[in-house]
Amino acid sequence: MTKIIALGVLALSSLPLNAEVQWQDFSVTYLNGSNYRVDGPDKQVLTFEHVAGESWGDSFLFLDHLRGDNGNRSNYAEWSPRLSLSKLSGSEFKYGIINDVLFTSTVEMSSLQTNFLYGVATDLTVPGFQYLKLNFYRRNNDGVEDNWQLTTTWGVPFKLGEMEFLYDGFMDWSSATADQSASMNFTSQLKWALHPLLDMKSKLYVGIEYVYWRNKYGIADSPQFRTHESNVNLLVKAHF
């Protein structure tokens, strides 16, 4: 914890005094799916997201409100600020497909625990991708041993005739420790853009979200308790 606080103080001290928001986006997503094994079986999720480009880097915040058909209710949130070496130094950190190098961090928050992640990230420029980001973290976990995590996020827009689509998502891989198994979460969304058809200024999507978990939450899959999950959610997403 001391290391995290020291890194946070160092990072904050490097922020320019004239920090400002360069762009931002707010969205709300409704998901409805089944076949949840660990905390299911059926679930509705309302997700609030805010993403912004700052003069010092970028920031991503989301809050999930989960409602199970069994009556369970829960909330889960993450905040992920990243400090851009290019923006803070005034010099471009570019090499080949690497567009920027960043100090990355995440706070995972639920009613049961709070985890802190910190590390380095690269933003990549790859043809066809709207964005492609790699984040490598050291996880400071609450209640279990610390471990490592690799996170990649992507967005790929494309068209079929006059119809516009967006395929985006993320993949988290976390290493094993003595008290948890290595886990992977692959979540992707295939979304059809309705706003061009409806002549709307704000973005509106419908589509599906596919989620695959291996050893969900680091819990080893076994015949007695299955923690590998594969499910499809119906999706509606509105940007404001």
C-alpha atoms as a PDB file:
ATOM      1  CA  MET A   1       0.000   0.000   0.000  1.00  0.00           C
ATOM      2  CA  THR A   2       2.850   2.386   0.796  1.00  0.00           C
ATOM      3  CA  LYS A   3       4.273   1.907  -2.694  1.00  0.00           C
ATOM      4  CA  ILE A   4       0.904   2.692  -4.258  1.00  0.00           C
ATOM      5  CA  ILE A   5       0.500   5.882  -2.227  1.00  0.00           C
ATOM      6  CA  ALA A   6       4.025   6.989  -3.157  1.00  0.00           C
ATOM      7  CA  LEU A   7       3.392   6.322  -6.842  1.00  0.00           C
ATOM      8  CA  GLY A   8       0.089   8.182  -6.648  1.00  0.00           C
ATOM      9  CA  VAL A   9       1.659  11.226  -5.006  1.00  0.00           C
ATOM     10  CA  LEU A  10       4.460  11.246  -7.602  1.00  0.00           C
ATOM     11  CA  ALA A  11       1.962  10.963 -10.438  1.00  0.00           C
ATOM     12  CA  LEU A  12      -0.287  13.713  -9.089  1.00  0.00           C
ATOM     13  CA  SER A  13       2.664  16.030  -8.524  1.00  0.00           C
ATOM     14  CA  SER A  14       3.544  15.713 -12.206  1.00  0.00           C
ATOM     15  CA  LEU A  15       0.135  16.902 -13.426  1.00  0.00           C
ATOM     16  CA  PRO A  16       0.191  20.305 -15.113  1.00  0.00           C
ATOM     17  CA  LEU A  17      -1.569  23.088 -13.233  1.00  0.00           C
ATOM     18  CA  ASN A  18      -3.658  23.945 -16.296  1.00  0.00           C
ATOM     19  CA  ALA A  19      -5.068  20.416 -16.646  1.00  0.00           C
ATOM     20  CA  GLU A  20      -8.203  20.379 -18.771  1.00  0.00           C
ATOM     21  CA  VAL A  21     -10.663  17.986 -20.379  1.00  0.00           C
ATOM     22  CA  GLN A  22      -9.998  17.684 -24.117  1.00  0.00           C
ATOM     23  CA  TRP A  23     -12.946  15.402 -24.921  1.00  0.00           C
ATOM     24  CA  GLN A  24     -15.385  13.205 -23.015  1.00  0.00           C
ATOM     25  CA  ASP A  25     -18.238  10.760 -23.490  1.00  0.00           C
ATOM     26  CA  PHE A  26     -20.965   9.448 -21.184  1.00  0.00           C
ATOM     27  CA  SER A  27     -23.043   6.354 -21.916  1.00  0.00           C
ATOM     28  CA  VAL A  28     -25.619   4.042 -20.355  1.00  0.00           C
ATOM     29  CA  THR A  29     -25.878   0.343 -21.297  1.00  0.00           C
ATOM     30  CA  TYR A  30     -28.614  -2.174 -20.513  1.00  0.00           C
ATOM     31  CA  LEU A  31     -27.683  -5.883 -20.610  1.00  0.00           C
ATOM     32  CA  ASN A  32     -29.867  -8.942 -20.150  1.00  0.00           C
ATOM     33  CA  GLY A  33     -28.395 -12.430 -20.101  1.00  0.00           C
ATOM     34  CA  SER A  34     -28.376 -15.884 -18.558  1.00  0.00           C
ATOM     35  CA  ASN A  35     -26.060 -18.833 -17.932  1.00  0.00           C
ATOM     36  CA  TYR A  36     -24.165 -17.065 -15.139  1.00  0.00           C
ATOM     37  CA  ARG A  37     -22.696 -19.796 -12.957  1.00  0.00           C
ATOM     38  CA  VAL A  38     -20.851 -18.046 -10.142  1.00  0.00           C
ATOM     39  CA  ASP A  39     -23.395 -15.322  -9.368  1.00  0.00           C
ATOM     40  CA  GLY A  40     -26.368 -16.169 -11.572  1.00  0.00           C
ATOM     41  CA  PRO A  41     -28.136 -17.750 -13.281  1.00  0.00           C
ATOM     42  CA  ASP A  42     -30.061 -14.888 -14.918  1.00  0.00           C
ATOM     43  CA  LYS A  43     -29.079 -11.262 -14.626  1.00  0.00           C
ATOM     44  CA  GLN A  44     -29.802  -7.736 -15.770  1.00  0.00           C
ATOM     45  CA  VAL A  45     -27.005  -5.167 -15.724  1.00  0.00           C
ATOM     46  CA  LEU A  46     -27.212  -1.375 -15.975  1.00  0.00           C
ATOM     47  CA  THR A  47     -23.791   0.120 -16.766  1.00  0.00           C
ATOM     48  CA  PHE A  48     -22.868   3.804 -16.524  1.00  0.00           C
ATOM     49  CA  GLU A  49     -19.614   4.758 -18.290  1.00  0.00           C
ATOM     50  CA  HIS A  50     -17.582   7.947 -18.546  1.00  0.00           C
ATOM     51  CA  VAL A  51     -14.425   8.221 -20.637  1.00  0.00           C
ATOM     52  CA  ALA A  52     -12.363  11.354 -21.149  1.00  0.00           C
ATOM     53  CA  GLY A  53      -9.185  12.563 -22.784  1.00  0.00           C
ATOM     54  CA  GLU A  54      -7.302  14.925 -20.499  1.00  0.00           C
ATOM     55  CA  SER A  55      -4.350  17.234 -21.010  1.00  0.00           C
ATOM     56  CA  TRP A  56      -2.412  14.818 -18.759  1.00  0.00           C
ATOM     57  CA  GLY A  57      -3.665  11.491 -20.171  1.00  0.00           C
ATOM     58  CA  ASP A  58      -7.045   9.777 -20.089  1.00  0.00           C
ATOM     59  CA  SER A  59      -9.620   8.408 -17.658  1.00  0.00           C
ATOM     60  CA  PHE A  60     -12.234   5.651 -17.756  1.00  0.00           C
ATOM     61  CA  LEU A  61     -14.909   5.139 -15.098  1.00  0.00           C
ATOM     62  CA  PHE A  62     -17.788   2.679 -14.996  1.00  0.00           C
ATOM     63  CA  LEU A  63     -20.415   1.531 -12.530  1.00  0.00           C
ATOM     64  CA  ASP A  64     -22.328  -1.740 -12.909  1.00  0.00           C
ATOM     65  CA  HIS A  65     -25.659  -2.183 -11.144  1.00  0.00           C
ATOM     66  CA  LEU A  66     -26.473  -5.904 -11.229  1.00  0.00           C
ATOM     67  CA  ARG A  67     -29.929  -7.336 -10.606  1.00  0.00           C
ATOM     68  CA  GLY A  68     -30.346 -11.118 -10.456  1.00  0.00           C
ATOM     69  CA  ASP A  69     -33.667 -12.851 -10.999  1.00  0.00           C
ATOM     70  CA  ASN A  70     -33.077 -14.519  -7.616  1.00  0.00           C
ATOM     71  CA  GLY A  71     -33.425 -11.127  -5.931  1.00  0.00           C
ATOM     72  CA  ASN A  72     -29.707 -10.402  -5.469  1.00  0.00           C
ATOM     73  CA  ARG A  73     -28.608  -6.803  -5.994  1.00  0.00           C
ATOM     74  CA  SER A  74     -25.034  -5.549  -6.155  1.00  0.00           C
ATOM     75  CA  ASN A  75     -22.862  -2.721  -7.452  1.00  0.00           C
ATOM     76  CA  TYR A  76     -19.347  -2.819  -8.875  1.00  0.00           C
ATOM     77  CA  ALA A  77     -17.183   0.064 -10.111  1.00  0.00           C
ATOM     78  CA  GLU A  78     -13.764   0.709 -11.608  1.00  0.00           C
ATOM     79  CA  TRP A  79     -11.823   3.915 -12.189  1.00  0.00           C
ATOM     80  CA  SER A  80      -8.800   3.809 -14.483  1.00  0.00           C
ATOM     81  CA  PRO A  81      -6.761   7.024 -14.865  1.00  0.00           C
ATOM     82  CA  ARG A  82      -3.639   6.873 -17.062  1.00  0.00           C
ATOM     83  CA  LEU A  83      -0.818   9.417 -17.286  1.00  0.00           C
ATOM     84  CA  SER A  84       0.563   9.992 -20.797  1.00  0.00           C
ATOM     85  CA  LEU A  85       4.330  10.425 -21.004  1.00  0.00           C
ATOM     86  CA  SER A  86       3.861  12.226 -24.316  1.00  0.00           C
ATOM     87  CA  LYS A  87       1.440  14.781 -22.875  1.00  0.00           C
ATOM     88  CA  LEU A  88       3.319  15.323 -19.613  1.00  0.00           C
ATOM     89  CA  SER A  89       6.741  15.673 -21.228  1.00  0.00           C
ATOM     90  CA  GLY A  90       5.712  17.541 -24.354  1.00  0.00           C
ATOM     91  CA  SER A  91       7.689  15.008 -26.420  1.00  0.00           C
ATOM     92  CA  GLU A  92       6.203  12.193 -28.468  1.00  0.00           C
ATOM     93  CA  PHE A  93       6.802   8.675 -27.130  1.00  0.00           C
ATOM     94  CA  LYS A  94       6.316   6.903 -30.452  1.00  0.00           C
ATOM     95  CA  TYR A  95       8.080   3.951 -32.003  1.00  0.00           C
ATOM     96  CA  GLY A  96       6.649   1.833 -34.814  1.00  0.00           C
ATOM     97  CA  ILE A  97       3.048   0.978 -33.950  1.00  0.00           C
ATOM     98  CA  ILE A  98       3.491   2.354 -30.394  1.00  0.00           C
ATOM     99  CA  ASN A  99       1.653   5.664 -30.258  1.00  0.00           C
ATOM    100  CA  ASP A 100       2.214   6.487 -26.579  1.00  0.00           C
ATOM    101  CA  VAL A 101       3.557   5.098 -23.300  1.00  0.00           C
ATOM    102  CA  LEU A 102       1.589   5.686 -20.109  1.00  0.00           C
ATOM    103  CA  PHE A 103       1.578   5.117 -16.367  1.00  0.00           C
ATOM    104  CA  THR A 104      -1.657   3.178 -15.802  1.00  0.00           C
ATOM    105  CA  SER A 105      -3.720   2.522 -12.689  1.00  0.00           C
ATOM    106  CA  THR A 106      -7.100   1.102 -11.730  1.00  0.00           C
ATOM    107  CA  VAL A 107      -9.191   1.011  -8.577  1.00  0.00           C
ATOM    108  CA  GLU A 108     -11.681  -1.888  -8.382  1.00  0.00           C
ATOM    109  CA  MET A 109     -14.503  -1.240  -5.905  1.00  0.00           C
ATOM    110  CA  SER A 110     -17.261  -3.491  -4.592  1.00  0.00           C
ATOM    111  CA  SER A 111     -19.063  -3.999  -1.293  1.00  0.00           C
ATOM    112  CA  LEU A 112     -16.694  -6.897  -0.506  1.00  0.00           C
ATOM    113  CA  GLN A 113     -13.269  -5.539  -1.433  1.00  0.00           C
ATOM    114  CA  THR A 114     -11.176  -2.788  -2.978  1.00  0.00           C
ATOM    115  CA  ASN A 115      -8.193  -3.628  -5.187  1.00  0.00           C
ATOM    116  CA  PHE A 116      -5.491  -1.287  -6.488  1.00  0.00           C
ATOM    117  CA  LEU A 117      -3.680  -1.890  -9.781  1.00  0.00           C
ATOM    118  CA  TYR A 118      -0.702   0.037 -11.162  1.00  0.00           C
ATOM    119  CA  GLY A 119       1.731  -0.412 -14.015  1.00  0.00           C
ATOM    120  CA  VAL A 120       2.628   0.656 -17.555  1.00  0.00           C
ATOM    121  CA  ALA A 121       0.608   0.837 -20.755  1.00  0.00           C
ATOM    122  CA  THR A 122       1.059   1.365 -24.469  1.00  0.00           C
ATOM    123  CA  ASP A 123      -1.405   2.752 -26.975  1.00  0.00           C
ATOM    124  CA  LEU A 124      -0.983   1.178 -30.400  1.00  0.00           C
ATOM    125  CA  THR A 125      -1.822   2.429 -33.880  1.00  0.00           C
ATOM    126  CA  VAL A 126      -3.013  -0.520 -35.994  1.00  0.00           C
ATOM    127  CA  PRO A 127      -4.894  -0.211 -39.321  1.00  0.00           C
ATOM    128  CA  GLY A 128      -8.626  -0.896 -38.923  1.00  0.00           C
ATOM    129  CA  PHE A 129      -8.629  -0.275 -35.174  1.00  0.00           C
ATOM    130  CA  GLN A 130     -10.193   2.828 -33.702  1.00  0.00           C
ATOM    131  CA  TYR A 131      -8.031   2.119 -30.663  1.00  0.00           C
ATOM    132  CA  LEU A 132      -5.910  -0.724 -29.272  1.00  0.00           C
ATOM    133  CA  LYS A 133      -4.444  -0.468 -25.774  1.00  0.00           C
ATOM    134  CA  LEU A 134      -2.244  -2.791 -23.685  1.00  0.00           C
ATOM    135  CA  ASN A 135      -2.047  -2.371 -19.907  1.00  0.00           C
ATOM    136  CA  PHE A 136       0.305  -4.397 -17.695  1.00  0.00           C
ATOM    137  CA  TYR A 137      -0.521  -4.200 -13.980  1.00  0.00           C
ATOM    138  CA  ARG A 138       0.708  -5.265 -10.594  1.00  0.00           C
ATOM    139  CA  ARG A 139      -2.410  -6.064  -8.581  1.00  0.00           C
ATOM    140  CA  ASN A 140      -2.559  -5.084  -4.895  1.00  0.00           C
ATOM    141  CA  ASN A 141      -5.454  -7.291  -3.812  1.00  0.00           C
ATOM    142  CA  ASP A 142      -7.711  -7.053  -0.810  1.00  0.00           C
ATOM    143  CA  GLY A 143      -8.031 -10.439   0.917  1.00  0.00           C
ATOM    144  CA  VAL A 144      -5.877 -12.575  -1.415  1.00  0.00           C
ATOM    145  CA  GLU A 145      -2.256 -12.552  -2.531  1.00  0.00           C
ATOM    146  CA  ASP A 146      -1.061  -9.890  -4.956  1.00  0.00           C
ATOM    147  CA  ASN A 147      -0.571 -10.956  -8.570  1.00  0.00           C
ATOM    148  CA  TRP A 148      -0.144  -9.672 -12.133  1.00  0.00           C
ATOM    149  CA  GLN A 149      -2.680  -8.692 -14.775  1.00  0.00           C
ATOM    150  CA  LEU A 150      -2.552  -8.006 -18.503  1.00  0.00           C
ATOM    151  CA  THR A 151      -5.459  -6.061 -19.989  1.00  0.00           C
ATOM    152  CA  THR A 152      -6.077  -5.260 -23.630  1.00  0.00           C
ATOM    153  CA  THR A 153      -8.926  -3.114 -24.965  1.00  0.00           C
ATOM    154  CA  TRP A 154      -9.919  -2.529 -28.570  1.00  0.00           C
ATOM    155  CA  GLY A 155     -12.453  -0.934 -30.870  1.00  0.00           C
ATOM    156  CA  VAL A 156     -13.021  -1.810 -34.542  1.00  0.00           C
ATOM    157  CA  PRO A 157     -15.653   0.133 -36.526  1.00  0.00           C
ATOM    158  CA  PHE A 158     -16.849  -1.292 -39.840  1.00  0.00           C
ATOM    159  CA  LYS A 159     -19.653  -1.053 -42.380  1.00  0.00           C
ATOM    160  CA  LEU A 160     -21.870  -3.524 -44.200  1.00  0.00           C
ATOM    161  CA  GLY A 161     -23.389  -1.556 -47.025  1.00  0.00           C
ATOM    162  CA  GLU A 162     -24.872   1.560 -45.459  1.00  0.00           C
ATOM    163  CA  MET A 163     -25.111   0.022 -41.991  1.00  0.00           C
ATOM    164  CA  GLU A 164     -22.490   0.956 -39.388  1.00  0.00           C
ATOM    165  CA  PHE A 165     -21.189  -1.415 -36.717  1.00  0.00           C
ATOM    166  CA  LEU A 166     -18.711  -1.341 -33.848  1.00  0.00           C
ATOM    167  CA  TYR A 167     -16.905  -4.355 -32.404  1.00  0.00           C
ATOM    168  CA  ASP A 168     -15.159  -3.495 -29.146  1.00  0.00           C
ATOM    169  CA  GLY A 169     -14.249  -5.073 -25.839  1.00  0.00           C
ATOM    170  CA  PHE A 170     -11.487  -6.114 -23.491  1.00  0.00           C
ATOM    171  CA  MET A 171      -9.589  -9.129 -22.229  1.00  0.00           C
ATOM    172  CA  ASP A 172      -8.176  -9.469 -18.684  1.00  0.00           C
ATOM    173  CA  TRP A 173      -5.687 -12.168 -17.781  1.00  0.00           C
ATOM    174  CA  SER A 174      -4.559 -12.514 -14.157  1.00  0.00           C
ATOM    175  CA  SER A 175      -1.753 -14.754 -12.887  1.00  0.00           C
ATOM    176  CA  ALA A 176      -2.121 -17.545 -10.333  1.00  0.00           C
ATOM    177  CA  THR A 177      -0.977 -17.390  -6.709  1.00  0.00           C
ATOM    178  CA  ALA A 178      -1.082 -19.840  -3.813  1.00  0.00           C
ATOM    179  CA  ASP A 179      -4.681 -18.904  -3.020  1.00  0.00           C
ATOM    180  CA  GLN A 180      -6.166 -18.216  -6.475  1.00  0.00           C
ATOM    181  CA  SER A 181      -6.089 -19.714  -9.955  1.00  0.00           C
ATOM    182  CA  ALA A 182      -5.059 -17.888 -13.109  1.00  0.00           C
ATOM    183  CA  SER A 183      -8.181 -16.343 -14.633  1.00  0.00           C
ATOM    184  CA  MET A 184      -9.266 -14.823 -17.917  1.00  0.00           C
ATOM    185  CA  ASN A 185     -12.213 -12.615 -18.799  1.00  0.00           C
ATOM    186  CA  PHE A 186     -12.906 -12.038 -22.505  1.00  0.00           C
ATOM    187  CA  THR A 187     -15.783  -9.596 -23.031  1.00  0.00           C
ATOM    188  CA  SER A 188     -16.718  -8.190 -26.430  1.00  0.00           C
ATOM    189  CA  GLN A 189     -19.682  -6.303 -27.873  1.00  0.00           C
ATOM    190  CA  LEU A 190     -20.972  -6.342 -31.432  1.00  0.00           C
ATOM    191  CA  LYS A 191     -23.168  -3.261 -31.887  1.00  0.00           C
ATOM    192  CA  TRP A 192     -25.309  -1.966 -34.720  1.00  0.00           C
ATOM    193  CA  ALA A 193     -25.471   1.839 -34.923  1.00  0.00           C
ATOM    194  CA  LEU A 194     -29.062   3.089 -35.045  1.00  0.00           C
ATOM    195  CA  HIS A 195     -28.305   6.803 -34.778  1.00  0.00           C
ATOM    196  CA  PRO A 196     -27.408   7.294 -38.477  1.00  0.00           C
ATOM    197  CA  LEU A 197     -30.694   5.647 -39.495  1.00  0.00           C
ATOM    198  CA  LEU A 198     -32.708   7.724 -37.033  1.00  0.00           C
ATOM    199  CA  ASP A 199     -30.810  10.946 -37.821  1.00  0.00           C
ATOM    200  CA  MET A 200     -29.771  11.289 -34.178  1.00  0.00           C
ATOM    201  CA  LYS A 201     -26.820  13.396 -33.037  1.00  0.00           C
ATOM    202  CA  SER A 202     -26.130  11.156 -30.039  1.00  0.00           C
ATOM    203  CA  LYS A 203     -25.004   7.572 -30.603  1.00  0.00           C
ATOM    204  CA  LEU A 204     -27.464   4.706 -30.086  1.00  0.00           C
ATOM    205  CA  TYR A 205     -26.564   1.022 -30.460  1.00  0.00           C
ATOM    206  CA  VAL A 206     -28.273  -2.351 -30.186  1.00  0.00           C
ATOM    207  CA  GLY A 207     -26.469  -5.662 -30.290  1.00  0.00           C
ATOM    208  CA  ILE A 208     -25.034  -8.467 -28.215  1.00  0.00           C
ATOM    209  CA  GLU A 209     -22.314  -8.863 -25.630  1.00  0.00           C
ATOM    210  CA  TYR A 210     -20.392 -12.126 -25.390  1.00  0.00           C
ATOM    211  CA  VAL A 211     -18.623 -12.924 -22.117  1.00  0.00           C
ATOM    212  CA  TYR A 212     -16.224 -15.801 -21.518  1.00  0.00           C
ATOM    213  CA  TRP A 213     -14.705 -16.399 -18.086  1.00  0.00           C
ATOM    214  CA  ARG A 214     -12.087 -18.985 -17.187  1.00  0.00           C
ATOM    215  CA  ASN A 215     -11.755 -19.540 -13.425  1.00  0.00           C
ATOM    216  CA  LYS A 216     -13.989 -16.555 -12.696  1.00  0.00           C
ATOM    217  CA  TYR A 217     -12.671 -14.295  -9.910  1.00  0.00           C
ATOM    218  CA  GLY A 218      -9.667 -16.642  -9.582  1.00  0.00           C
ATOM    219  CA  ILE A 219     -11.869 -19.494  -8.322  1.00  0.00           C
ATOM    220  CA  ALA A 220     -10.718 -22.813  -9.778  1.00  0.00           C
ATOM    221  CA  ASP A 221     -13.303 -24.558 -11.939  1.00  0.00           C
ATOM    222  CA  SER A 222     -14.342 -27.991 -10.638  1.00  0.00           C
ATOM    223  CA  PRO A 223     -17.195 -30.470 -11.166  1.00  0.00           C
ATOM    224  CA  GLN A 224     -18.590 -29.380  -7.807  1.00  0.00           C
ATOM    225  CA  PHE A 225     -18.472 -25.648  -8.635  1.00  0.00           C
ATOM    226  CA  ARG A 226     -18.233 -24.547 -12.258  1.00  0.00           C
ATOM    227  CA  THR A 227     -16.448 -21.217 -12.681  1.00  0.00           C
ATOM    228  CA  HIS A 228     -15.883 -21.312 -16.456  1.00  0.00           C
ATOM    229  CA  GLU A 229     -18.685 -19.184 -17.934  1.00  0.00           C
ATOM    230  CA  SER A 230     -19.856 -18.505 -21.466  1.00  0.00           C
ATOM    231  CA  ASN A 231     -22.902 -16.338 -22.007  1.00  0.00           C
ATOM    232  CA  VAL A 232     -24.525 -13.915 -24.419  1.00  0.00           C
ATOM    233  CA  ASN A 233     -26.311 -10.749 -23.325  1.00  0.00           C
ATOM    234  CA  LEU A 234     -28.751  -8.644 -25.296  1.00  0.00           C
ATOM    235  CA  LEU A 235     -27.524  -5.052 -25.356  1.00  0.00           C
ATOM    236  CA  VAL A 236     -28.825  -1.491 -25.762  1.00  0.00           C
ATOM    237  CA  LYS A 237     -26.333   1.368 -25.398  1.00  0.00           C
ATOM    238  CA  ALA A 238     -26.992   5.116 -25.537  1.00  0.00           C
ATOM    239  CA  HIS A 239     -24.364   7.878 -25.542  1.00  0.00           C
ATOM    240  CA  PHE A 240     -25.051  11.398 -24.278  1.00  0.00           C
END
